[in-house]
PDB file of N, CA and C in Angstrom:
ATOM      1  N   MET A   1      -3.658  17.931 -73.519  1.00  0.00           N
ATOM      2  CA  MET A   1      -4.609  17.519 -72.585  1.00  0.00           C
ATOM      3  C   MET A   1      -5.706  18.907 -72.230  1.00  0.00           C
ATOM      4  N   ALA A   2      -6.755  18.482 -72.309  1.00  0.00           N
ATOM      5  CA  ALA A   2      -7.850  19.576 -71.933  1.00  0.00           C
ATOM      6  C   ALA A   2      -7.765  19.790 -70.633  1.00  0.00           C
ATOM      7  N   SER A   3      -7.998  21.160 -70.111  1.00  0.00           N
ATOM      8  CA  SER A   3      -8.124  21.316 -68.524  1.00  0.00           C
ATOM      9  C   SER A   3      -9.662  21.357 -68.269  1.00  0.00           C
ATOM     10  N   ASN A   4     -10.703  21.453 -69.221  1.00  0.00           N
ATOM     11  CA  ASN A   4     -11.895  21.220 -69.084  1.00  0.00           C
ATOM     12  C   ASN A   4     -12.449  19.803 -68.909  1.00  0.00           C
ATOM     13  N   PRO A   5     -13.092  19.535 -67.700  1.00  0.00           N
ATOM     14  CA  PRO A   5     -13.521  18.023 -67.633  1.00  0.00           C
ATOM     15  C   PRO A   5     -14.435  17.536 -68.620  1.00  0.00           C
ATOM     16  N   VAL A   6     -15.075  18.565 -69.302  1.00  0.00           N
ATOM     17  CA  VAL A   6     -15.834  17.889 -70.351  1.00  0.00           C
ATOM     18  C   VAL A   6     -15.103  17.318 -71.686  1.00  0.00           C
ATOM     19  N   ASP A   7     -13.906  17.835 -71.818  1.00  0.00           N
ATOM     20  CA  ASP A   7     -12.938  17.420 -72.823  1.00  0.00           C
ATOM     21  C   ASP A   7     -11.950  16.622 -72.351  1.00  0.00           C
ATOM     22  N   VAL A   8     -12.087  15.887 -71.281  1.00  0.00           N
ATOM     23  CA  VAL A   8     -11.230  14.914 -70.769  1.00  0.00           C
ATOM     24  C   VAL A   8     -11.168  13.790 -71.533  1.00  0.00           C
ATOM     25  N   GLU A   9     -10.125  13.250 -71.803  1.00  0.00           N
ATOM     26  CA  GLU A   9      -9.727  12.097 -72.655  1.00  0.00           C
ATOM     27  C   GLU A   9      -9.331  10.823 -72.006  1.00  0.00           C
ATOM     28  N   PHE A  10      -8.994  10.867 -70.702  1.00  0.00           N
ATOM     29  CA  PHE A  10      -8.461   9.924 -69.958  1.00  0.00           C
ATOM     30  C   PHE A  10      -9.130  10.065 -68.440  1.00  0.00           C
ATOM     31  N   VAL A  11      -9.203   8.922 -67.859  1.00  0.00           N
ATOM     32  CA  VAL A  11      -9.741   8.841 -66.406  1.00  0.00           C
ATOM     33  C   VAL A  11      -8.969   7.681 -65.749  1.00  0.00           C
ATOM     34  N   GLN A  12      -9.148   7.830 -64.485  1.00  0.00           N
ATOM     35  CA  GLN A  12      -8.917   6.870 -63.451  1.00  0.00           C
ATOM     36  C   GLN A  12     -10.255   6.366 -63.007  1.00  0.00           C
ATOM     37  N   VAL A  13     -10.483   4.853 -62.750  1.00  0.00           N
ATOM     38  CA  VAL A  13     -11.616   4.297 -62.152  1.00  0.00           C
ATOM     39  C   VAL A  13     -11.152   3.775 -60.908  1.00  0.00           C
ATOM     40  N   ALA A  14     -11.829   3.948 -59.824  1.00  0.00           N
ATOM     41  CA  ALA A  14     -11.387   3.288 -58.610  1.00  0.00           C
ATOM     42  C   ALA A  14     -12.464   2.528 -57.983  1.00  0.00           C
ATOM     43  N   THR A  15     -12.008   1.380 -57.304  1.00  0.00           N
ATOM     44  CA  THR A  15     -13.076   0.677 -56.495  1.00  0.00           C
ATOM     45  C   THR A  15     -12.216   0.067 -55.341  1.00  0.00           C
ATOM     46  N   THR A  16     -13.150  -0.668 -54.564  1.00  0.00           N
ATOM     47  CA  THR A  16     -12.366  -1.395 -53.359  1.00  0.00           C
ATOM     48  C   THR A  16     -13.065  -2.770 -53.435  1.00  0.00           C
ATOM     49  N   PHE A  17     -12.235  -3.774 -52.690  1.00  0.00           N
ATOM     50  CA  PHE A  17     -12.712  -5.151 -52.497  1.00  0.00           C
ATOM     51  C   PHE A  17     -12.249  -5.600 -51.010  1.00  0.00           C
ATOM     52  N   ASP A  18     -12.941  -6.492 -50.473  1.00  0.00           N
ATOM     53  CA  ASP A  18     -12.608  -6.916 -49.107  1.00  0.00           C
ATOM     54  C   ASP A  18     -11.471  -8.171 -49.275  1.00  0.00           C
ATOM     55  N   ALA A  19     -11.190  -8.669 -50.391  1.00  0.00           N
ATOM     56  CA  ALA A  19     -10.165  -9.677 -50.769  1.00  0.00           C
ATOM     57  C   ALA A  19      -9.293  -9.468 -51.548  1.00  0.00           C
ATOM     58  N   VAL A  20      -8.093  -9.540 -51.341  1.00  0.00           N
ATOM     59  CA  VAL A  20      -6.937  -9.253 -52.521  1.00  0.00           C
ATOM     60  C   VAL A  20      -7.131 -10.046 -53.737  1.00  0.00           C
ATOM     61  N   GLU A  21      -7.548 -11.458 -53.504  1.00  0.00           N
ATOM     62  CA  GLU A  21      -7.718 -12.291 -54.665  1.00  0.00           C
ATOM     63  C   GLU A  21      -8.707 -11.718 -55.651  1.00  0.00           C
ATOM     64  N   GLU A  22      -9.858 -11.208 -55.111  1.00  0.00           N
ATOM     65  CA  GLU A  22     -10.863 -10.766 -55.844  1.00  0.00           C
ATOM     66  C   GLU A  22     -10.528  -9.323 -56.505  1.00  0.00           C
ATOM     67  N   ALA A  23      -9.621  -8.516 -55.916  1.00  0.00           N
ATOM     68  CA  ALA A  23      -9.277  -7.294 -56.404  1.00  0.00           C
ATOM     69  C   ALA A  23      -8.331  -7.579 -57.636  1.00  0.00           C
ATOM     70  N   GLU A  24      -7.432  -8.679 -57.429  1.00  0.00           N
ATOM     71  CA  GLU A  24      -6.389  -9.000 -58.505  1.00  0.00           C
ATOM     72  C   GLU A  24      -7.060  -9.588 -59.631  1.00  0.00           C
ATOM     73  N   ALA A  25      -8.269 -10.383 -59.525  1.00  0.00           N
ATOM     74  CA  ALA A  25      -8.766 -11.097 -60.525  1.00  0.00           C
ATOM     75  C   ALA A  25      -9.556 -10.112 -61.353  1.00  0.00           C
ATOM     76  N   LEU A  26     -10.351  -9.241 -60.825  1.00  0.00           N
ATOM     77  CA  LEU A  26     -11.114  -8.217 -61.400  1.00  0.00           C
ATOM     78  C   LEU A  26     -10.031  -7.127 -62.340  1.00  0.00           C
ATOM     79  N   ALA A  27      -9.106  -6.885 -61.665  1.00  0.00           N
ATOM     80  CA  ALA A  27      -7.981  -6.027 -62.271  1.00  0.00           C
ATOM     81  C   ALA A  27      -7.449  -6.725 -63.597  1.00  0.00           C
ATOM     82  N   SER A  28      -7.234  -7.953 -63.395  1.00  0.00           N
ATOM     83  CA  SER A  28      -6.693  -8.752 -64.594  1.00  0.00           C
ATOM     84  C   SER A  28      -7.775  -8.951 -65.612  1.00  0.00           C
ATOM     85  N   SER A  29      -8.911  -9.379 -65.321  1.00  0.00           N
ATOM     86  CA  SER A  29      -9.919  -9.493 -66.272  1.00  0.00           C
ATOM     87  C   SER A  29     -10.381  -8.187 -67.070  1.00  0.00           C
ATOM     88  N   ALA A  30     -10.284  -7.075 -66.354  1.00  0.00           N
ATOM     89  CA  ALA A  30     -10.530  -5.823 -67.016  1.00  0.00           C
ATOM     90  C   ALA A  30      -9.370  -5.308 -67.911  1.00  0.00           C
ATOM     91  N   VAL A  31      -8.261  -5.611 -67.551  1.00  0.00           N
ATOM     92  CA  VAL A  31      -7.135  -5.328 -68.520  1.00  0.00           C
ATOM     93  C   VAL A  31      -7.269  -6.300 -69.783  1.00  0.00           C
ATOM     94  N   GLU A  32      -7.421  -7.500 -69.485  1.00  0.00           N
ATOM     95  CA  GLU A  32      -7.590  -8.669 -70.592  1.00  0.00           C
ATOM     96  C   GLU A  32      -8.673  -8.131 -71.544  1.00  0.00           C
ATOM     97  N   ALA A  33      -9.777  -7.748 -70.958  1.00  0.00           N
ATOM     98  CA  ALA A  33     -11.011  -7.336 -71.959  1.00  0.00           C
ATOM     99  C   ALA A  33     -10.502  -5.869 -72.629  1.00  0.00           C
ATOM    100  N   ARG A  34      -9.259  -4.979 -72.329  1.00  0.00           N
ATOM    101  CA  ARG A  34      -8.990  -4.058 -72.922  1.00  0.00           C
ATOM    102  C   ARG A  34     -10.027  -2.880 -72.352  1.00  0.00           C
ATOM    103  N   LEU A  35     -10.648  -3.063 -71.273  1.00  0.00           N
ATOM    104  CA  LEU A  35     -11.320  -1.942 -70.622  1.00  0.00           C
ATOM    105  C   LEU A  35     -10.397  -1.013 -70.080  1.00  0.00           C
ATOM    106  N   ALA A  36      -9.272  -1.485 -69.540  1.00  0.00           N
ATOM    107  CA  ALA A  36      -8.388  -0.646 -68.985  1.00  0.00           C
ATOM    108  C   ALA A  36      -6.934  -0.986 -69.373  1.00  0.00           C
ATOM    109  N   ALA A  37      -6.093   0.005 -69.540  1.00  0.00           N
ATOM    110  CA  ALA A  37      -4.670  -0.455 -69.886  1.00  0.00           C
ATOM    111  C   ALA A  37      -3.872  -0.839 -68.880  1.00  0.00           C
ATOM    112  N   CYS A  38      -4.127  -0.510 -67.755  1.00  0.00           N
ATOM    113  CA  CYS A  38      -3.543  -0.843 -66.408  1.00  0.00           C
ATOM    114  C   CYS A  38      -4.352  -0.897 -65.316  1.00  0.00           C
ATOM    115  N   ALA A  39      -4.209  -1.593 -64.258  1.00  0.00           N
ATOM    116  CA  ALA A  39      -4.985  -1.594 -63.047  1.00  0.00           C
ATOM    117  C   ALA A  39      -4.018  -1.988 -61.826  1.00  0.00           C
ATOM    118  N   GLN A  40      -4.007  -1.001 -60.949  1.00  0.00           N
ATOM    119  CA  GLN A  40      -3.134  -1.172 -59.721  1.00  0.00           C
ATOM    120  C   GLN A  40      -3.871  -1.560 -58.604  1.00  0.00           C
ATOM    121  N   ALA A  41      -3.620  -2.629 -57.890  1.00  0.00           N
ATOM    122  CA  ALA A  41      -4.203  -3.177 -56.559  1.00  0.00           C
ATOM    123  C   ALA A  41      -3.113  -2.740 -55.450  1.00  0.00           C
ATOM    124  N   GLU A  42      -3.815  -2.074 -54.473  1.00  0.00           N
ATOM    125  CA  GLU A  42      -3.012  -1.803 -53.258  1.00  0.00           C
ATOM    126  C   GLU A  42      -3.801  -1.856 -52.052  1.00  0.00           C
ATOM    127  N   GLY A  43      -3.007  -2.239 -50.874  1.00  0.00           N
ATOM    128  CA  GLY A  43      -3.878  -2.204 -49.700  1.00  0.00           C
ATOM    129  C   GLY A  43      -2.889  -3.183 -48.680  1.00  0.00           C
ATOM    130  N   PRO A  44      -3.627  -3.405 -47.737  1.00  0.00           N
ATOM    131  CA  PRO A  44      -4.790  -3.013 -47.350  1.00  0.00           C
ATOM    132  C   PRO A  44      -5.035  -1.558 -46.750  1.00  0.00           C
ATOM    133  N   VAL A  45      -6.199  -1.048 -47.200  1.00  0.00           N
ATOM    134  CA  VAL A  45      -6.421   0.398 -46.528  1.00  0.00           C
ATOM    135  C   VAL A  45      -7.667   0.103 -45.539  1.00  0.00           C
ATOM    136  N   THR A  46      -7.685   1.079 -44.626  1.00  0.00           N
ATOM    137  CA  THR A  46      -8.884   0.745 -43.741  1.00  0.00           C
ATOM    138  C   THR A  46     -10.073   1.821 -44.112  1.00  0.00           C
ATOM    139  N   SER A  47     -11.125   1.203 -44.408  1.00  0.00           N
ATOM    140  CA  SER A  47     -12.342   1.853 -44.758  1.00  0.00           C
ATOM    141  C   SER A  47     -13.351   2.119 -43.548  1.00  0.00           C
ATOM    142  N   VAL A  48     -13.658   3.145 -43.536  1.00  0.00           N
ATOM    143  CA  VAL A  48     -14.651   3.481 -42.240  1.00  0.00           C
ATOM    144  C   VAL A  48     -15.900   4.103 -43.051  1.00  0.00           C
ATOM    145  N   TYR A  49     -17.199   3.489 -42.773  1.00  0.00           N
ATOM    146  CA  TYR A  49     -18.244   3.819 -43.534  1.00  0.00           C
ATOM    147  C   TYR A  49     -19.681   3.499 -42.661  1.00  0.00           C
ATOM    148  N   ARG A  50     -20.736   3.956 -43.184  1.00  0.00           N
ATOM    149  CA  ARG A  50     -21.962   3.709 -42.564  1.00  0.00           C
ATOM    150  C   ARG A  50     -22.688   2.840 -43.412  1.00  0.00           C
ATOM    151  N   TRP A  51     -23.196   1.499 -42.791  1.00  0.00           N
ATOM    152  CA  TRP A  51     -23.865   0.492 -43.654  1.00  0.00           C
ATOM    153  C   TRP A  51     -24.760  -0.208 -42.776  1.00  0.00           C
ATOM    154  N   ASP A  52     -26.150  -0.291 -43.223  1.00  0.00           N
ATOM    155  CA  ASP A  52     -27.330  -0.826 -42.394  1.00  0.00           C
ATOM    156  C   ASP A  52     -27.366  -0.037 -41.023  1.00  0.00           C
ATOM    157  N   GLY A  53     -27.128   1.182 -41.063  1.00  0.00           N
ATOM    158  CA  GLY A  53     -27.348   1.896 -40.089  1.00  0.00           C
ATOM    159  C   GLY A  53     -26.287   1.943 -38.951  1.00  0.00           C
ATOM    160  N   ALA A  54     -25.308   1.242 -39.205  1.00  0.00           N
ATOM    161  CA  ALA A  54     -24.166   1.316 -38.158  1.00  0.00           C
ATOM    162  C   ALA A  54     -22.808   1.662 -38.816  1.00  0.00           C
ATOM    163  N   VAL A  55     -21.799   2.267 -38.055  1.00  0.00           N
ATOM    164  CA  VAL A  55     -20.620   2.597 -38.735  1.00  0.00           C
ATOM    165  C   VAL A  55     -19.807   1.453 -38.578  1.00  0.00           C
ATOM    166  N   GLN A  56     -19.090   0.957 -39.723  1.00  0.00           N
ATOM    167  CA  GLN A  56     -18.514  -0.201 -40.011  1.00  0.00           C
ATOM    168  C   GLN A  56     -16.882   0.232 -40.371  1.00  0.00           C
ATOM    169  N   LYS A  57     -15.964  -0.648 -39.994  1.00  0.00           N
ATOM    170  CA  LYS A  57     -14.522  -0.442 -40.331  1.00  0.00           C
ATOM    171  C   LYS A  57     -14.033  -1.797 -40.608  1.00  0.00           C
ATOM    172  N   ASP A  58     -13.407  -1.757 -41.793  1.00  0.00           N
ATOM    173  CA  ASP A  58     -12.985  -2.810 -42.476  1.00  0.00           C
ATOM    174  C   ASP A  58     -11.644  -2.873 -43.096  1.00  0.00           C
ATOM    175  N   LYS A  59     -10.833  -3.654 -43.416  1.00  0.00           N
ATOM    176  CA  LYS A  59      -9.753  -3.841 -44.293  1.00  0.00           C
ATOM    177  C   LYS A  59     -10.249  -4.010 -45.548  1.00  0.00           C
ATOM    178  N   GLU A  60      -9.708  -3.200 -46.755  1.00  0.00           N
ATOM    179  CA  GLU A  60     -10.133  -3.376 -48.124  1.00  0.00           C
ATOM    180  C   GLU A  60      -8.945  -3.254 -48.955  1.00  0.00           C
ATOM    181  N   TRP A  61      -8.993  -3.687 -50.188  1.00  0.00           N
ATOM    182  CA  TRP A  61      -7.773  -3.467 -51.328  1.00  0.00           C
ATOM    183  C   TRP A  61      -8.536  -2.506 -52.415  1.00  0.00           C
ATOM    184  N   ARG A  62      -7.825  -1.395 -52.666  1.00  0.00           N
ATOM    185  CA  ARG A  62      -8.236  -0.457 -53.686  1.00  0.00           C
ATOM    186  C   ARG A  62      -7.618  -0.813 -54.880  1.00  0.00           C
ATOM    187  N   VAL A  63      -8.387  -0.803 -56.038  1.00  0.00           N
ATOM    188  CA  VAL A  63      -7.906  -1.103 -57.447  1.00  0.00           C
ATOM    189  C   VAL A  63      -8.284   0.207 -58.154  1.00  0.00           C
ATOM    190  N   THR A  64      -7.096   0.787 -59.043  1.00  0.00           N
ATOM    191  CA  THR A  64      -7.287   1.843 -59.644  1.00  0.00           C
ATOM    192  C   THR A  64      -7.056   1.514 -60.914  1.00  0.00           C
ATOM    193  N   PHE A  65      -7.920   1.725 -61.965  1.00  0.00           N
ATOM    194  CA  PHE A  65      -7.905   1.398 -63.398  1.00  0.00           C
ATOM    195  C   PHE A  65      -7.531   2.733 -64.114  1.00  0.00           C
ATOM    196  N   LYS A  66      -6.571   2.503 -65.018  1.00  0.00           N
ATOM    197  CA  LYS A  66      -6.262   3.669 -66.108  1.00  0.00           C
ATOM    198  C   LYS A  66      -6.844   3.230 -67.281  1.00  0.00           C
ATOM    199  N   THR A  67      -7.837   4.200 -67.799  1.00  0.00           N
ATOM    200  CA  THR A  67      -8.531   3.956 -68.989  1.00  0.00           C
ATOM    201  C   THR A  67      -8.800   5.334 -69.731  1.00  0.00           C
ATOM    202  N   THR A  68      -9.693   5.213 -70.967  1.00  0.00           N
ATOM    203  CA  THR A  68     -10.120   6.417 -71.702  1.00  0.00           C
ATOM    204  C   THR A  68     -11.355   6.729 -71.250  1.00  0.00           C
ATOM    205  N   ALA A  69     -11.633   8.028 -71.211  1.00  0.00           N
ATOM    206  CA  ALA A  69     -12.960   8.515 -70.774  1.00  0.00           C
ATOM    207  C   ALA A  69     -14.166   7.724 -71.540  1.00  0.00           C
ATOM    208  N   ALA A  70     -14.038   7.538 -72.849  1.00  0.00           N
ATOM    209  CA  ALA A  70     -14.807   6.671 -73.864  1.00  0.00           C
ATOM    210  C   ALA A  70     -15.378   5.440 -73.126  1.00  0.00           C
ATOM    211  N   LEU A  71     -14.434   4.867 -72.381  1.00  0.00           N
ATOM    212  CA  LEU A  71     -14.729   3.478 -71.754  1.00  0.00           C
ATOM    213  C   LEU A  71     -15.076   3.401 -70.381  1.00  0.00           C
ATOM    214  N   ALA A  72     -15.100   4.739 -69.767  1.00  0.00           N
ATOM    215  CA  ALA A  72     -15.364   4.708 -68.379  1.00  0.00           C
ATOM    216  C   ALA A  72     -16.848   4.163 -68.001  1.00  0.00           C
ATOM    217  N   ASP A  73     -17.844   4.298 -68.751  1.00  0.00           N
ATOM    218  CA  ASP A  73     -19.165   3.785 -68.446  1.00  0.00           C
ATOM    219  C   ASP A  73     -19.078   2.402 -68.659  1.00  0.00           C
ATOM    220  N   ARG A  74     -18.606   1.658 -69.748  1.00  0.00           N
ATOM    221  CA  ARG A  74     -18.498   0.336 -69.854  1.00  0.00           C
ATOM    222  C   ARG A  74     -17.517  -0.259 -68.713  1.00  0.00           C
ATOM    223  N   LEU A  75     -16.608   0.369 -68.248  1.00  0.00           N
ATOM    224  CA  LEU A  75     -15.710  -0.190 -67.305  1.00  0.00           C
ATOM    225  C   LEU A  75     -16.504  -0.257 -65.978  1.00  0.00           C
ATOM    226  N   THR A  76     -17.275   0.871 -65.750  1.00  0.00           N
ATOM    227  CA  THR A  76     -18.148   0.898 -64.411  1.00  0.00           C
ATOM    228  C   THR A  76     -19.181  -0.174 -64.525  1.00  0.00           C
ATOM    229  N   GLU A  77     -19.643  -0.290 -65.601  1.00  0.00           N
ATOM    230  CA  GLU A  77     -20.769  -1.441 -65.661  1.00  0.00           C
ATOM    231  C   GLU A  77     -20.261  -2.745 -65.440  1.00  0.00           C
ATOM    232  N   TYR A  78     -18.919  -2.990 -65.935  1.00  0.00           N
ATOM    233  CA  TYR A  78     -18.223  -4.134 -65.597  1.00  0.00           C
ATOM    234  C   TYR A  78     -17.936  -4.544 -64.410  1.00  0.00           C
ATOM    235  N   ILE A  79     -17.281  -3.518 -63.754  1.00  0.00           N
ATOM    236  CA  ILE A  79     -17.132  -3.615 -62.239  1.00  0.00           C
ATOM    237  C   ILE A  79     -18.174  -4.027 -61.382  1.00  0.00           C
ATOM    238  N   VAL A  80     -19.420  -3.067 -61.532  1.00  0.00           N
ATOM    239  CA  VAL A  80     -20.729  -3.546 -60.800  1.00  0.00           C
ATOM    240  C   VAL A  80     -21.077  -4.823 -61.012  1.00  0.00           C
ATOM    241  N   ARG A  81     -21.082  -5.164 -62.375  1.00  0.00           N
ATOM    242  CA  ARG A  81     -21.589  -6.510 -62.628  1.00  0.00           C
ATOM    243  C   ARG A  81     -20.928  -7.668 -61.908  1.00  0.00           C
ATOM    244  N   GLU A  82     -19.492  -7.663 -62.036  1.00  0.00           N
ATOM    245  CA  GLU A  82     -18.609  -8.669 -61.419  1.00  0.00           C
ATOM    246  C   GLU A  82     -18.136  -8.550 -59.996  1.00  0.00           C
ATOM    247  N   HIS A  83     -18.431  -7.385 -59.424  1.00  0.00           N
ATOM    248  CA  HIS A  83     -18.144  -7.144 -57.926  1.00  0.00           C
ATOM    249  C   HIS A  83     -19.074  -7.886 -57.097  1.00  0.00           C
ATOM    250  N   SER A  84     -18.490  -8.420 -56.029  1.00  0.00           N
ATOM    251  CA  SER A  84     -19.280  -9.200 -54.796  1.00  0.00           C
ATOM    252  C   SER A  84     -20.163  -8.258 -54.006  1.00  0.00           C
ATOM    253  N   TYR A  85     -19.821  -6.986 -53.843  1.00  0.00           N
ATOM    254  CA  TYR A  85     -20.568  -6.204 -52.957  1.00  0.00           C
ATOM    255  C   TYR A  85     -22.016  -5.852 -53.684  1.00  0.00           C
ATOM    256  N   ASP A  86     -22.983  -5.586 -52.824  1.00  0.00           N
ATOM    257  CA  ASP A  86     -24.296  -5.113 -53.105  1.00  0.00           C
ATOM    258  C   ASP A  86     -24.300  -3.606 -53.701  1.00  0.00           C
ATOM    259  N   VAL A  87     -23.475  -2.869 -53.119  1.00  0.00           N
ATOM    260  CA  VAL A  87     -23.344  -1.537 -53.753  1.00  0.00           C
ATOM    261  C   VAL A  87     -21.927  -1.276 -53.775  1.00  0.00           C
ATOM    262  N   PRO A  88     -20.986  -1.495 -54.966  1.00  0.00           N
ATOM    263  CA  PRO A  88     -19.686  -1.444 -55.080  1.00  0.00           C
ATOM    264  C   PRO A  88     -19.405   0.227 -55.101  1.00  0.00           C
ATOM    265  N   GLU A  89     -18.293   0.692 -54.441  1.00  0.00           N
ATOM    266  CA  GLU A  89     -17.719   1.948 -54.726  1.00  0.00           C
ATOM    267  C   GLU A  89     -17.017   1.803 -56.061  1.00  0.00           C
ATOM    268  N   VAL A  90     -17.513   2.760 -56.980  1.00  0.00           N
ATOM    269  CA  VAL A  90     -16.875   3.056 -58.195  1.00  0.00           C
ATOM    270  C   VAL A  90     -16.882   4.500 -58.439  1.00  0.00           C
ATOM    271  N   LEU A  91     -15.689   5.125 -58.645  1.00  0.00           N
ATOM    272  CA  LEU A  91     -15.641   6.501 -58.681  1.00  0.00           C
ATOM    273  C   LEU A  91     -14.558   6.512 -60.227  1.00  0.00           C
ATOM    274  N   VAL A  92     -15.011   7.695 -60.611  1.00  0.00           N
ATOM    275  CA  VAL A  92     -14.386   8.100 -62.093  1.00  0.00           C
ATOM    276  C   VAL A  92     -13.739   9.486 -62.054  1.00  0.00           C
ATOM    277  N   THR A  93     -12.443   9.407 -61.913  1.00  0.00           N
ATOM    278  CA  THR A  93     -11.760  10.863 -61.895  1.00  0.00           C
ATOM    279  C   THR A  93     -11.048  11.128 -63.243  1.00  0.00           C
ATOM    280  N   PRO A  94     -11.284  12.477 -63.461  1.00  0.00           N
ATOM    281  CA  PRO A  94     -10.849  12.884 -64.818  1.00  0.00           C
ATOM    282  C   PRO A  94      -9.362  13.013 -64.457  1.00  0.00           C
ATOM    283  N   VAL A  95      -8.492  12.584 -65.653  1.00  0.00           N
ATOM    284  CA  VAL A  95      -6.953  12.855 -65.670  1.00  0.00           C
ATOM    285  C   VAL A  95      -6.899  14.035 -66.717  1.00  0.00           C
ATOM    286  N   ILE A  96      -6.294  15.170 -66.188  1.00  0.00           N
ATOM    287  CA  ILE A  96      -6.415  16.518 -66.916  1.00  0.00           C
ATOM    288  C   ILE A  96      -4.872  16.597 -67.427  1.00  0.00           C
ATOM    289  N   GLY A  97      -4.079  15.760 -67.278  1.00  0.00           N
ATOM    290  CA  GLY A  97      -2.640  15.700 -67.787  1.00  0.00           C
ATOM    291  C   GLY A  97      -1.930  14.678 -67.400  1.00  0.00           C
ATOM    292  N   GLY A  98      -0.637  14.660 -68.044  1.00  0.00           N
ATOM    293  CA  GLY A  98       0.289  13.471 -67.571  1.00  0.00           C
ATOM    294  C   GLY A  98       1.325  13.415 -68.774  1.00  0.00           C
ATOM    295  N   HIS A  99       2.111  12.268 -68.442  1.00  0.00           N
ATOM    296  CA  HIS A  99       3.045  12.134 -69.548  1.00  0.00           C
ATOM    297  C   HIS A  99       2.612  11.568 -70.964  1.00  0.00           C
ATOM    298  N   GLN A 100       2.838  12.232 -71.902  1.00  0.00           N
ATOM    299  CA  GLN A 100       2.327  11.995 -73.160  1.00  0.00           C
ATOM    300  C   GLN A 100       2.197  10.715 -73.642  1.00  0.00           C
ATOM    301  N   LYS A 101       3.654  10.281 -73.489  1.00  0.00           N
ATOM    302  CA  LYS A 101       3.721   8.781 -73.967  1.00  0.00           C
ATOM    303  C   LYS A 101       3.106   7.754 -73.151  1.00  0.00           C
ATOM    304  N   TYR A 102       2.752   7.859 -71.824  1.00  0.00           N
ATOM    305  CA  TYR A 102       1.914   7.039 -71.170  1.00  0.00           C
ATOM    306  C   TYR A 102       0.603   7.190 -71.492  1.00  0.00           C
ATOM    307  N   LEU A 103       0.162   8.362 -71.758  1.00  0.00           N
ATOM    308  CA  LEU A 103      -1.211   8.414 -72.276  1.00  0.00           C
ATOM    309  C   LEU A 103      -1.638   7.937 -73.509  1.00  0.00           C
ATOM    310  N   GLU A 104      -0.385   8.121 -74.471  1.00  0.00           N
ATOM    311  CA  GLU A 104      -0.876   7.430 -75.873  1.00  0.00           C
ATOM    312  C   GLU A 104      -0.772   5.996 -75.584  1.00  0.00           C
ATOM    313  N   TRP A 105       0.154   5.356 -74.635  1.00  0.00           N
ATOM    314  CA  TRP A 105       0.129   3.953 -74.409  1.00  0.00           C
ATOM    315  C   TRP A 105      -1.343   3.342 -73.775  1.00  0.00           C
ATOM    316  N   VAL A 106      -1.927   4.364 -72.998  1.00  0.00           N
ATOM    317  CA  VAL A 106      -3.209   3.942 -72.486  1.00  0.00           C
ATOM    318  C   VAL A 106      -4.151   3.910 -73.490  1.00  0.00           C
ATOM    319  N   GLN A 107      -4.102   4.876 -74.457  1.00  0.00           N
ATOM    320  CA  GLN A 107      -5.135   4.893 -75.682  1.00  0.00           C
ATOM    321  C   GLN A 107      -4.844   3.740 -76.437  1.00  0.00           C
ATOM    322  N   ASN A 108      -3.576   3.328 -76.843  1.00  0.00           N
ATOM    323  CA  ASN A 108      -3.270   2.195 -77.693  1.00  0.00           C
ATOM    324  C   ASN A 108      -3.786   0.776 -76.970  1.00  0.00           C
ATOM    325  N   GLU A 109      -3.714   0.586 -75.603  1.00  0.00           N
ATOM    326  CA  GLU A 109      -3.889  -0.724 -74.968  1.00  0.00           C
ATOM    327  C   GLU A 109      -5.409  -0.905 -74.776  1.00  0.00           C
ATOM    328  N   THR A 110      -6.258   0.222 -74.890  1.00  0.00           N
ATOM    329  CA  THR A 110      -7.549   0.051 -74.620  1.00  0.00           C
ATOM    330  C   THR A 110      -8.626   0.108 -75.935  1.00  0.00           C
ATOM    331  N   GLN A 111      -7.500   0.110 -77.151  1.00  0.00           N
ATOM    332  CA  GLN A 111      -8.106   0.046 -78.358  1.00  0.00           C
ATOM    333  C   GLN A 111      -9.087  -1.476 -78.581  1.00  0.00           C
ATOM    334  N   GLN A 112     -10.247  -1.495 -78.683  1.00  0.00           N
ATOM    335  CA  GLN A 112     -10.911  -2.711 -78.893  1.00  0.00           C
ATOM    336  C   GLN A 112     -10.817  -3.337 -80.222  1.00  0.00           C
ATOM    337  N   GLU A 113     -10.487  -4.593 -80.237  1.00  0.00           N
ATOM    338  CA  GLU A 113     -10.044  -5.351 -81.608  1.00  0.00           C
ATOM    339  C   GLU A 113     -11.326  -5.707 -82.283  1.00  0.00           C
TER     340      GLU A 113
END
């Protein structure tokens, strides 16, 4: 694994949802589409943010997708297209290391047929 983010092969992509059902549905569909090898839904988490000029506080469910850097843009587009929020959070974080066999599994499970 490279330590330079430019050379990153794997990433985690995170987003949040206001309903666990939507979180799990998008997690499943992204894995089925081979845009991610794995997606983990967790929560609820409390999100505090500014929206429409006011501070909001809501319960949300976070989904973290494990995928390749090569698929990050396609997965991001998919999340934004399928998400119910007007402006969904989508953050891509480089993975600079990890268990080699797991990373090989991520690579294999995201191979487009």
